[in-house]
Amino acid sequence: GRKADFMQLGVEGRSAAVRWGTVTLNIWMAINFSLAKSIQHCDSASSHNKIAQENWDDAFSFYTGSLAESDHPLGGYLFFNFAQMNGEQFGTCKKGKECPANTEMLQLFVKGKKHIAESKCSQLDKYVKRMQALMTVPLIQAYLKTSYALDLEDDARQETQGEAAAFSAALAPIVSACNAGSADILFKDLAPGNAPTSS
């Protein structure tokens, strides 16, 4: 099994792991759970899909938070900002401009809400699959960024190790669905305490 011993990290490393693990593990799952519940409760034969609408709104709230696109210097702390930061670092958008993944996510949230309101539930599954794919992109970007920093830039700071541990823990289950062996390599390479010797 994949077990991470975060006591292998110092205080700075654990702090970074908690900060980014909250977004990439907890928030990511909360968004997906709310979207799945929305599909489950959407009934095409009903003219009133209140629970499905509430679940869809919950997913939107978890994705954006209250500070997205605000004057807050970090632009918020939830997944919208996480995708934005990685998009800027990978050059898929310019600083101050909305990254394509966020633009498409917001469009899908609007479309899905409209379909739920109109009891057109058959499209939701397609939207959610696309949203899950879009939310996986910044996870991959973040994993690659910290791997590069550790391996090629010799950045063994505790903060970098904590980020790497969080991103590998978040990405491993997704990769495991395709290839369990590759997921094990990905996870163990950047697990707490292993990152300085990763390859």
Protein backbone atom coordinates (compact mmCIF):
# COMPACT_ATOMS: atom_id res chain seq x y z
CA GLY A 1 0.00 0.00 0.00
CA ARG A 2 0.89 3.63 -0.35
CA LYS A 3 1.55 5.13 3.07
CA ALA A 4 3.18 8.49 3.58
CA ASP A 5 5.09 9.26 6.78
CA PHE A 6 5.00 13.04 6.98
CA MET A 7 7.18 12.96 10.10
CA GLN A 8 10.03 12.51 7.61
CA LEU A 9 9.53 16.21 6.82
CA GLY A 10 10.31 19.21 8.99
CA VAL A 11 7.73 21.79 10.04
CA GLU A 12 8.03 23.77 6.78
CA GLY A 13 7.64 20.61 4.73
CA ARG A 14 4.59 19.43 6.66
CA SER A 15 3.06 22.89 6.43
CA ALA A 16 3.44 22.89 2.63
CA ALA A 17 2.05 19.35 2.43
CA VAL A 18 -1.01 20.36 4.46
CA ARG A 19 -1.60 23.54 2.47
CA TRP A 20 -1.47 21.85 -0.93
CA GLY A 21 -2.83 18.51 0.23
CA THR A 22 -5.98 20.30 1.40
CA VAL A 23 -6.52 21.60 -2.13
CA THR A 24 -5.37 18.62 -4.18
CA LEU A 25 -6.73 15.83 -1.97
CA ASN A 26 -9.63 17.17 0.10
CA ILE A 27 -11.03 19.91 -2.13
CA TRP A 28 -10.52 17.90 -5.33
CA MET A 29 -12.51 15.03 -3.80
CA ALA A 30 -15.20 17.37 -2.43
CA ILE A 31 -15.76 18.82 -5.91
CA ASN A 32 -16.00 15.37 -7.49
CA PHE A 33 -18.28 14.07 -4.73
CA SER A 34 -20.67 17.01 -5.16
CA LEU A 35 -20.74 16.60 -8.94
CA ALA A 36 -21.46 12.87 -8.60
CA LYS A 37 -24.26 13.55 -6.12
CA SER A 38 -25.73 16.08 -8.52
CA ILE A 39 -25.87 13.46 -11.27
CA GLN A 40 -27.39 10.95 -8.84
CA HIS A 41 -30.17 13.33 -7.76
CA CYS A 42 -30.98 14.81 -11.17
CA ASP A 43 -34.27 13.39 -12.45
CA SER A 44 -35.32 14.13 -16.01
CA ALA A 45 -38.91 13.25 -15.13
CA SER A 46 -39.00 15.90 -12.41
CA SER A 47 -39.51 19.62 -12.84
CA HIS A 48 -37.90 20.27 -9.47
CA ASN A 49 -34.28 19.16 -9.00
CA LYS A 50 -33.43 21.18 -5.90
CA ILE A 51 -30.99 18.69 -4.37
CA ALA A 52 -29.14 18.26 -7.66
CA GLN A 53 -28.90 22.06 -8.00
CA GLU A 54 -27.58 22.39 -4.45
CA ASN A 55 -24.92 19.74 -5.07
CA TRP A 56 -23.89 21.43 -8.30
CA ASP A 57 -23.62 24.76 -6.47
CA ASP A 58 -21.55 23.09 -3.74
CA ALA A 59 -19.10 21.82 -6.37
CA PHE A 60 -18.84 25.32 -7.83
CA SER A 61 -18.20 26.81 -4.39
CA PHE A 62 -15.49 24.26 -3.63
CA TYR A 63 -13.87 24.97 -6.99
CA THR A 64 -13.84 28.76 -6.88
CA GLY A 65 -14.06 29.75 -3.23
CA SER A 66 -15.02 33.32 -2.40
CA LEU A 67 -11.82 35.05 -3.52
CA ALA A 68 -11.42 33.89 -7.13
CA GLU A 69 -11.03 36.84 -9.49
CA SER A 70 -11.00 39.23 -6.51
CA ASP A 71 -8.37 41.79 -5.53
CA HIS A 72 -6.93 39.28 -3.06
CA PRO A 73 -3.17 39.04 -3.78
CA LEU A 74 -3.28 35.23 -4.07
CA GLY A 75 -6.62 35.10 -5.87
CA GLY A 76 -7.94 32.68 -3.29
CA TYR A 77 -6.88 29.34 -1.90
CA LEU A 78 -9.06 26.75 -3.65
CA PHE A 79 -8.87 24.86 -6.93
CA PHE A 80 -9.55 27.82 -9.24
CA ASN A 81 -6.42 29.52 -7.95
CA PHE A 82 -4.42 26.28 -8.03
CA ALA A 83 -5.27 25.83 -11.72
CA GLN A 84 -4.55 29.51 -12.38
CA MET A 85 -1.10 29.40 -10.76
CA ASN A 86 -0.06 26.28 -12.67
CA GLY A 87 -1.45 27.63 -15.94
CA GLU A 88 0.66 30.78 -15.56
CA GLN A 89 3.79 28.81 -14.62
CA PHE A 90 3.39 26.49 -17.62
CA GLY A 91 2.67 29.35 -20.02
CA THR A 92 -0.88 28.32 -20.92
CA CYS A 93 -2.07 31.77 -19.86
CA LYS A 94 -0.56 35.17 -19.13
CA LYS A 95 -0.44 36.58 -15.62
CA GLY A 96 -3.71 38.33 -14.85
CA LYS A 97 -5.59 36.41 -17.56
CA GLU A 98 -7.89 33.48 -16.87
CA CYS A 99 -6.28 30.16 -17.80
CA PRO A 100 -8.10 28.02 -20.41
CA ALA A 101 -8.85 25.22 -17.91
CA ASN A 102 -10.63 27.66 -15.59
CA THR A 103 -12.52 29.29 -18.46
CA GLU A 104 -13.84 25.94 -19.66
CA MET A 105 -14.63 24.80 -16.10
CA LEU A 106 -16.74 27.89 -15.46
CA GLN A 107 -18.55 27.41 -18.79
CA LEU A 108 -19.32 23.79 -17.86
CA PHE A 109 -20.60 24.84 -14.44
CA VAL A 110 -23.00 27.30 -16.12
CA LYS A 111 -24.14 24.75 -18.73
CA GLY A 112 -24.67 22.06 -16.11
CA LYS A 113 -26.70 24.35 -13.87
CA LYS A 114 -28.90 25.27 -16.81
CA HIS A 115 -29.45 21.63 -17.73
CA ILE A 116 -30.37 20.75 -14.14
CA ALA A 117 -32.85 23.66 -14.02
CA GLU A 118 -34.41 22.39 -17.25
CA SER A 119 -34.35 18.73 -16.04
CA LYS A 120 -32.06 17.77 -18.94
CA CYS A 121 -29.99 15.37 -16.86
CA SER A 122 -28.53 13.19 -19.63
CA GLN A 123 -25.77 15.69 -20.44
CA LEU A 124 -24.41 15.95 -16.90
CA ASP A 125 -22.29 12.80 -17.02
CA LYS A 126 -20.48 14.07 -20.12
CA TYR A 127 -19.87 17.46 -18.49
CA VAL A 128 -18.55 15.92 -15.28
CA LYS A 129 -16.10 13.63 -17.11
CA ARG A 130 -14.73 16.65 -18.94
CA MET A 131 -14.50 18.61 -15.68
CA GLN A 132 -12.58 15.77 -14.02
CA ALA A 133 -10.12 15.76 -16.92
CA LEU A 134 -9.66 19.53 -16.67
CA MET A 135 -9.05 19.31 -12.91
CA THR A 136 -6.39 16.65 -13.47
CA VAL A 137 -4.29 18.99 -15.65
CA PRO A 138 -3.05 21.24 -12.79
CA LEU A 139 -2.29 18.13 -10.68
CA ILE A 140 0.02 16.88 -13.43
CA GLN A 141 1.55 20.32 -13.90
CA ALA A 142 2.23 20.67 -10.17
CA TYR A 143 3.77 17.20 -9.99
CA LEU A 144 6.03 17.93 -12.96
CA LYS A 145 7.02 21.32 -11.54
CA THR A 146 8.15 19.93 -8.18
CA SER A 147 9.84 16.90 -9.79
CA TYR A 148 11.82 19.24 -12.03
CA ALA A 149 12.75 21.48 -9.10
CA LEU A 150 13.95 18.54 -7.00
CA ASP A 151 15.77 16.65 -9.73
CA LEU A 152 17.19 19.22 -12.13
CA GLU A 153 17.40 22.31 -9.94
CA ASP A 154 18.58 20.45 -6.80
CA ASP A 155 15.89 22.24 -4.81
CA ALA A 156 15.65 20.10 -1.67
CA ARG A 157 13.98 22.76 0.48
CA GLN A 158 11.42 21.44 2.93
CA GLU A 159 8.68 23.47 1.24
CA THR A 160 9.41 21.85 -2.13
CA GLN A 161 9.48 18.38 -0.59
CA GLY A 162 6.14 18.98 1.14
CA GLU A 163 4.55 20.19 -2.09
CA ALA A 164 5.95 17.18 -3.96
CA ALA A 165 4.54 14.77 -1.37
CA ALA A 166 1.08 16.35 -1.61
CA PHE A 167 1.01 16.38 -5.40
CA SER A 168 2.24 12.79 -5.74
CA ALA A 169 -0.34 11.59 -3.19
CA ALA A 170 -3.09 13.35 -5.17
CA LEU A 171 -2.00 12.12 -8.59
CA ALA A 172 -1.14 8.50 -7.70
CA PRO A 173 -4.76 7.21 -7.45
CA ILE A 174 -5.60 8.71 -10.85
CA VAL A 175 -2.54 7.11 -12.46
CA SER A 176 -3.29 3.85 -10.64
CA ALA A 177 -6.56 3.54 -12.53
CA CYS A 178 -4.43 3.23 -15.68
CA ASN A 179 -1.35 1.45 -14.33
CA ALA A 180 -0.82 0.56 -10.66
CA GLY A 181 2.92 -0.03 -11.09
CA SER A 182 3.47 3.43 -12.57
CA ALA A 183 1.43 4.95 -9.76
CA ASP A 184 3.63 3.22 -7.17
CA ILE A 185 6.78 4.62 -8.80
CA LEU A 186 5.26 8.09 -8.99
CA PHE A 187 4.19 8.01 -5.34
CA LYS A 188 7.35 6.48 -3.85
CA ASP A 189 9.63 8.80 -5.82
CA LEU A 190 8.28 11.90 -4.08
CA ALA A 191 6.99 10.41 -0.81
CA PRO A 192 8.07 12.28 2.35
CA GLY A 193 11.79 11.73 2.90
CA ASN A 194 12.40 10.30 -0.58
CA ALA A 195 12.23 13.49 -2.63
CA PRO A 196 15.91 14.58 -2.24
CA THR A 197 16.99 11.32 -3.89
CA SER A 198 14.21 11.19 -6.51
CA SER A 199 15.04 10.57 -10.15
